[in-house]
Amino acid sequence: MAKYIFTESQLEKIKKQLQETQINLPKEVKEGKDGNYMAKQQLFTIATLAMKMWEIMGDDEELDDWMESKIAQSEQSVISVVKAYMYDETVDDLKGMDTMNYNELVI
């Protein structure tokens, strides 16, 4: 898993390119074989907004309790999905455990 840092303008450019690419594809290709198109869009939105908030928040800034609670719930939800997805990928290909780089695993 590589780590990348993008500026907001770079993210907008990537988003625009993705949208333009999707316009010319047939519906079945846009959605993917398993209908995962929306999930990928949602993950992109989550990542983009989380990065933006992380950038604008001060190190000593405090959030309202309800905001911290929502962030904690979201983190747990994403962790659950990633663990299940990784497990499914490993079960489908038992060699996956041999190729995983545990130094880059963030959970």
N, C-alpha and C. Protein backbone atom coordinates (compact mmCIF):
# COMPACT_ATOMS: atom_id res chain seq x y z
N MET A 1 0.86 -1.16 0.00
CA MET A 1 0.00 0.00 0.00
C MET A 1 0.91 1.23 0.00
N ALA A 2 0.85 2.01 -1.04
CA ALA A 2 1.66 3.21 -1.14
C ALA A 2 0.98 4.38 -0.46
N LYS A 3 1.78 5.33 -0.04
CA LYS A 3 1.24 6.53 0.59
C LYS A 3 1.49 7.71 -0.35
N TYR A 4 0.42 8.45 -0.63
CA TYR A 4 0.50 9.57 -1.53
C TYR A 4 -0.05 10.81 -0.86
N ILE A 5 0.51 11.95 -1.22
CA ILE A 5 -0.01 13.23 -0.75
C ILE A 5 -0.36 14.04 -1.98
N PHE A 6 -1.62 14.51 -2.03
CA PHE A 6 -2.11 15.28 -3.16
C PHE A 6 -2.56 16.65 -2.67
N THR A 7 -2.42 17.64 -3.53
CA THR A 7 -3.01 18.95 -3.24
C THR A 7 -4.47 18.89 -3.64
N GLU A 8 -5.23 19.87 -3.17
CA GLU A 8 -6.65 19.90 -3.52
C GLU A 8 -6.85 20.04 -5.02
N SER A 9 -6.01 20.85 -5.67
CA SER A 9 -6.15 21.03 -7.12
C SER A 9 -5.81 19.74 -7.86
N GLN A 10 -4.84 18.98 -7.36
CA GLN A 10 -4.52 17.70 -8.00
C GLN A 10 -5.69 16.72 -7.84
N LEU A 11 -6.32 16.71 -6.68
CA LEU A 11 -7.47 15.83 -6.47
C LEU A 11 -8.63 16.21 -7.39
N GLU A 12 -8.86 17.50 -7.55
CA GLU A 12 -9.92 17.96 -8.46
C GLU A 12 -9.62 17.52 -9.89
N LYS A 13 -8.36 17.61 -10.30
CA LYS A 13 -7.98 17.20 -11.66
C LYS A 13 -8.21 15.70 -11.84
N ILE A 14 -7.82 14.90 -10.85
CA ILE A 14 -8.04 13.46 -10.91
C ILE A 14 -9.53 13.15 -10.97
N LYS A 15 -10.30 13.82 -10.14
CA LYS A 15 -11.75 13.61 -10.11
C LYS A 15 -12.36 13.93 -11.47
N LYS A 16 -11.94 15.03 -12.07
CA LYS A 16 -12.46 15.43 -13.39
C LYS A 16 -12.10 14.38 -14.44
N GLN A 17 -10.87 13.90 -14.41
CA GLN A 17 -10.44 12.89 -15.37
C GLN A 17 -11.25 11.60 -15.20
N LEU A 18 -11.49 11.21 -13.95
CA LEU A 18 -12.29 10.01 -13.69
C LEU A 18 -13.71 10.18 -14.21
N GLN A 19 -14.29 11.35 -13.97
CA GLN A 19 -15.65 11.60 -14.44
C GLN A 19 -15.72 11.58 -15.96
N GLU A 20 -14.74 12.19 -16.63
CA GLU A 20 -14.72 12.20 -18.09
C GLU A 20 -14.56 10.79 -18.64
N THR A 21 -13.76 9.98 -18.00
CA THR A 21 -13.55 8.61 -18.43
C THR A 21 -14.84 7.81 -18.29
N GLN A 22 -15.56 8.03 -17.19
CA GLN A 22 -16.79 7.28 -16.93
C GLN A 22 -17.89 7.61 -17.93
N ILE A 23 -17.92 8.83 -18.44
CA ILE A 23 -18.97 9.26 -19.37
C ILE A 23 -19.01 8.38 -20.62
N ASN A 24 -17.85 7.98 -21.13
CA ASN A 24 -17.77 7.25 -22.38
C ASN A 24 -17.89 5.74 -22.23
N LEU A 25 -18.02 5.24 -21.01
CA LEU A 25 -18.09 3.80 -20.80
C LEU A 25 -19.53 3.31 -20.75
N PRO A 26 -19.77 2.10 -21.22
CA PRO A 26 -21.12 1.53 -21.09
C PRO A 26 -21.46 1.31 -19.62
N LYS A 27 -22.75 1.24 -19.30
CA LYS A 27 -23.22 1.14 -17.92
C LYS A 27 -22.57 -0.04 -17.18
N GLU A 28 -22.49 -1.20 -17.82
CA GLU A 28 -21.95 -2.36 -17.14
C GLU A 28 -20.47 -2.18 -16.78
N VAL A 29 -19.74 -1.40 -17.56
CA VAL A 29 -18.34 -1.15 -17.25
C VAL A 29 -18.24 -0.09 -16.15
N LYS A 30 -19.10 0.92 -16.18
CA LYS A 30 -19.08 1.94 -15.14
C LYS A 30 -19.29 1.33 -13.77
N GLU A 31 -20.23 0.40 -13.67
CA GLU A 31 -20.55 -0.18 -12.38
C GLU A 31 -19.57 -1.26 -11.98
N GLY A 32 -18.87 -1.82 -12.91
CA GLY A 32 -17.97 -2.92 -12.59
C GLY A 32 -18.74 -4.23 -12.58
N LYS A 33 -18.03 -5.31 -12.60
CA LYS A 33 -18.67 -6.63 -12.65
C LYS A 33 -19.54 -6.88 -11.43
N ASP A 34 -19.14 -6.37 -10.28
CA ASP A 34 -19.87 -6.63 -9.05
C ASP A 34 -20.67 -5.43 -8.59
N GLY A 35 -20.85 -4.43 -9.44
CA GLY A 35 -21.61 -3.24 -9.06
C GLY A 35 -20.88 -2.40 -8.02
N ASN A 36 -19.55 -2.40 -8.06
CA ASN A 36 -18.78 -1.70 -7.04
C ASN A 36 -18.46 -0.25 -7.39
N TYR A 37 -19.02 0.27 -8.46
CA TYR A 37 -18.72 1.63 -8.90
C TYR A 37 -19.03 2.64 -7.80
N MET A 38 -20.19 2.50 -7.17
CA MET A 38 -20.58 3.46 -6.13
C MET A 38 -19.67 3.36 -4.92
N ALA A 39 -19.25 2.17 -4.57
CA ALA A 39 -18.35 2.00 -3.43
C ALA A 39 -17.03 2.71 -3.68
N LYS A 40 -16.52 2.60 -4.88
CA LYS A 40 -15.26 3.28 -5.20
C LYS A 40 -15.42 4.80 -5.14
N GLN A 41 -16.55 5.29 -5.64
CA GLN A 41 -16.82 6.73 -5.56
C GLN A 41 -16.90 7.17 -4.11
N GLN A 42 -17.59 6.40 -3.29
CA GLN A 42 -17.76 6.76 -1.89
C GLN A 42 -16.44 6.71 -1.15
N LEU A 43 -15.60 5.73 -1.43
CA LEU A 43 -14.28 5.67 -0.80
C LEU A 43 -13.43 6.86 -1.21
N PHE A 44 -13.53 7.27 -2.46
CA PHE A 44 -12.80 8.43 -2.94
C PHE A 44 -13.25 9.68 -2.18
N THR A 45 -14.56 9.84 -2.01
CA THR A 45 -15.10 11.00 -1.29
C THR A 45 -14.65 10.99 0.16
N ILE A 46 -14.73 9.83 0.81
CA ILE A 46 -14.30 9.73 2.20
C ILE A 46 -12.83 10.11 2.34
N ALA A 47 -11.99 9.55 1.48
CA ALA A 47 -10.55 9.83 1.55
C ALA A 47 -10.25 11.30 1.29
N THR A 48 -10.91 11.87 0.30
CA THR A 48 -10.67 13.27 -0.06
C THR A 48 -11.09 14.20 1.07
N LEU A 49 -12.29 14.00 1.61
CA LEU A 49 -12.78 14.87 2.67
C LEU A 49 -12.01 14.69 3.97
N ALA A 50 -11.64 13.45 4.28
CA ALA A 50 -10.85 13.20 5.49
C ALA A 50 -9.50 13.89 5.39
N MET A 51 -8.87 13.80 4.23
CA MET A 51 -7.56 14.45 4.04
C MET A 51 -7.69 15.96 4.15
N LYS A 52 -8.74 16.51 3.56
CA LYS A 52 -8.97 17.96 3.61
C LYS A 52 -9.16 18.41 5.06
N MET A 53 -9.98 17.69 5.82
CA MET A 53 -10.22 18.06 7.21
C MET A 53 -8.94 17.93 8.03
N TRP A 54 -8.17 16.88 7.78
CA TRP A 54 -6.91 16.67 8.49
C TRP A 54 -5.96 17.84 8.22
N GLU A 55 -5.95 18.34 6.98
CA GLU A 55 -5.07 19.45 6.63
C GLU A 55 -5.47 20.76 7.32
N ILE A 56 -6.78 21.02 7.43
CA ILE A 56 -7.22 22.32 7.95
C ILE A 56 -7.34 22.35 9.47
N MET A 57 -7.38 21.18 10.12
CA MET A 57 -7.47 21.13 11.57
C MET A 57 -6.13 21.46 12.21
N GLY A 58 -6.19 22.27 13.25
CA GLY A 58 -4.98 22.55 14.01
C GLY A 58 -4.65 21.38 14.93
N ASP A 59 -3.39 21.24 15.29
CA ASP A 59 -2.96 20.12 16.14
C ASP A 59 -3.62 20.16 17.51
N ASP A 60 -3.90 21.37 18.02
CA ASP A 60 -4.49 21.49 19.35
C ASP A 60 -5.98 21.82 19.30
N GLU A 61 -6.56 21.74 18.11
CA GLU A 61 -7.98 22.07 17.94
C GLU A 61 -8.86 20.96 18.50
N GLU A 62 -9.89 21.34 19.24
CA GLU A 62 -10.83 20.37 19.80
C GLU A 62 -12.12 20.40 19.00
N LEU A 63 -12.69 19.22 18.83
CA LEU A 63 -13.97 19.09 18.13
C LEU A 63 -15.07 18.87 19.15
N ASP A 64 -16.31 19.12 18.72
CA ASP A 64 -17.45 18.79 19.57
C ASP A 64 -17.48 17.29 19.80
N ASP A 65 -18.05 16.88 20.91
CA ASP A 65 -18.12 15.45 21.25
C ASP A 65 -18.80 14.63 20.15
N TRP A 66 -19.88 15.16 19.58
CA TRP A 66 -20.60 14.41 18.56
C TRP A 66 -19.74 14.22 17.31
N MET A 67 -18.88 15.21 17.02
CA MET A 67 -18.00 15.09 15.86
C MET A 67 -16.96 13.99 16.09
N GLU A 68 -16.36 13.98 17.28
CA GLU A 68 -15.38 12.95 17.61
C GLU A 68 -16.02 11.56 17.56
N SER A 69 -17.26 11.47 18.04
CA SER A 69 -17.98 10.19 18.03
C SER A 69 -18.21 9.70 16.60
N LYS A 70 -18.63 10.60 15.72
CA LYS A 70 -18.88 10.22 14.32
C LYS A 70 -17.58 9.78 13.64
N ILE A 71 -16.49 10.47 13.93
CA ILE A 71 -15.20 10.10 13.34
C ILE A 71 -14.79 8.71 13.84
N ALA A 72 -14.96 8.46 15.14
CA ALA A 72 -14.60 7.16 15.71
C ALA A 72 -15.46 6.04 15.11
N GLN A 73 -16.76 6.30 14.94
CA GLN A 73 -17.65 5.31 14.34
C GLN A 73 -17.25 5.03 12.89
N SER A 74 -16.92 6.09 12.17
CA SER A 74 -16.51 5.93 10.77
C SER A 74 -15.23 5.13 10.67
N GLU A 75 -14.29 5.42 11.56
CA GLU A 75 -13.03 4.69 11.56
C GLU A 75 -13.28 3.20 11.77
N GLN A 76 -14.11 2.86 12.75
CA GLN A 76 -14.40 1.46 13.03
C GLN A 76 -15.10 0.79 11.85
N SER A 77 -16.01 1.51 11.20
CA SER A 77 -16.71 0.96 10.04
C SER A 77 -15.75 0.68 8.90
N VAL A 78 -14.86 1.62 8.61
CA VAL A 78 -13.89 1.43 7.53
C VAL A 78 -12.94 0.28 7.86
N ILE A 79 -12.49 0.21 9.10
CA ILE A 79 -11.60 -0.87 9.52
C ILE A 79 -12.28 -2.22 9.32
N SER A 80 -13.56 -2.33 9.70
CA SER A 80 -14.30 -3.58 9.53
C SER A 80 -14.37 -4.00 8.08
N VAL A 81 -14.66 -3.05 7.20
CA VAL A 81 -14.76 -3.36 5.78
C VAL A 81 -13.41 -3.78 5.22
N VAL A 82 -12.35 -3.05 5.57
CA VAL A 82 -11.02 -3.37 5.05
C VAL A 82 -10.58 -4.75 5.52
N LYS A 83 -10.82 -5.06 6.79
CA LYS A 83 -10.44 -6.38 7.30
C LYS A 83 -11.20 -7.49 6.57
N ALA A 84 -12.50 -7.31 6.37
CA ALA A 84 -13.28 -8.31 5.67
C ALA A 84 -12.82 -8.45 4.22
N TYR A 85 -12.57 -7.33 3.57
CA TYR A 85 -12.11 -7.35 2.18
C TYR A 85 -10.76 -8.05 2.07
N MET A 86 -9.84 -7.71 2.97
CA MET A 86 -8.52 -8.33 2.95
C MET A 86 -8.62 -9.83 3.22
N TYR A 87 -9.50 -10.21 4.13
CA TYR A 87 -9.68 -11.63 4.44
C TYR A 87 -10.20 -12.37 3.21
N ASP A 88 -11.22 -11.79 2.56
CA ASP A 88 -11.78 -12.42 1.37
C ASP A 88 -10.72 -12.56 0.28
N GLU A 89 -9.90 -11.53 0.10
CA GLU A 89 -8.85 -11.59 -0.92
C GLU A 89 -7.83 -12.67 -0.58
N THR A 90 -7.52 -12.82 0.70
CA THR A 90 -6.54 -13.81 1.13
C THR A 90 -7.10 -15.22 0.98
N VAL A 91 -8.37 -15.39 1.33
CA VAL A 91 -9.00 -16.70 1.20
C VAL A 91 -9.09 -17.10 -0.27
N ASP A 92 -9.42 -16.12 -1.14
CA ASP A 92 -9.50 -16.41 -2.57
C ASP A 92 -8.15 -16.80 -3.15
N ASP A 93 -7.10 -16.23 -2.60
CA ASP A 93 -5.75 -16.50 -3.09
C ASP A 93 -4.85 -16.70 -1.88
N LEU A 94 -4.69 -17.93 -1.46
CA LEU A 94 -3.93 -18.20 -0.24
C LEU A 94 -2.49 -17.71 -0.33
N LYS A 95 -2.01 -17.48 -1.52
CA LYS A 95 -0.66 -16.94 -1.67
C LYS A 95 -0.63 -15.47 -1.28
N GLY A 96 -1.78 -14.86 -1.10
CA GLY A 96 -1.84 -13.44 -0.73
C GLY A 96 -1.09 -13.13 0.54
N MET A 97 -1.08 -14.06 1.49
CA MET A 97 -0.37 -13.83 2.75
C MET A 97 1.13 -13.71 2.51
N ASP A 98 1.64 -14.42 1.52
CA ASP A 98 3.06 -14.37 1.22
C ASP A 98 3.47 -13.04 0.58
N THR A 99 2.53 -12.42 -0.12
CA THR A 99 2.88 -11.21 -0.86
C THR A 99 2.53 -9.94 -0.11
N MET A 100 1.86 -10.03 1.05
CA MET A 100 1.49 -8.83 1.80
C MET A 100 2.70 -8.22 2.45
N ASN A 101 2.79 -6.91 2.43
CA ASN A 101 3.87 -6.20 3.10
C ASN A 101 3.31 -5.66 4.42
N TYR A 102 3.58 -6.36 5.49
CA TYR A 102 3.01 -6.02 6.79
C TYR A 102 3.55 -4.70 7.33
N ASN A 103 4.69 -4.23 6.84
CA ASN A 103 5.23 -2.95 7.28
C ASN A 103 4.39 -1.77 6.80
N GLU A 104 3.62 -1.97 5.71
CA GLU A 104 2.80 -0.90 5.16
C GLU A 104 1.34 -1.03 5.56
N LEU A 105 0.99 -2.03 6.37
CA LEU A 105 -0.37 -2.26 6.80
C LEU A 105 -0.73 -1.28 7.92
N VAL A 106 -1.79 -0.52 7.71
CA VAL A 106 -2.23 0.44 8.69
C VAL A 106 -3.66 0.10 9.09
N ILE A 107 -3.84 -0.32 10.32
CA ILE A 107 -5.19 -0.62 10.84
C ILE A 107 -5.26 -0.11 12.27
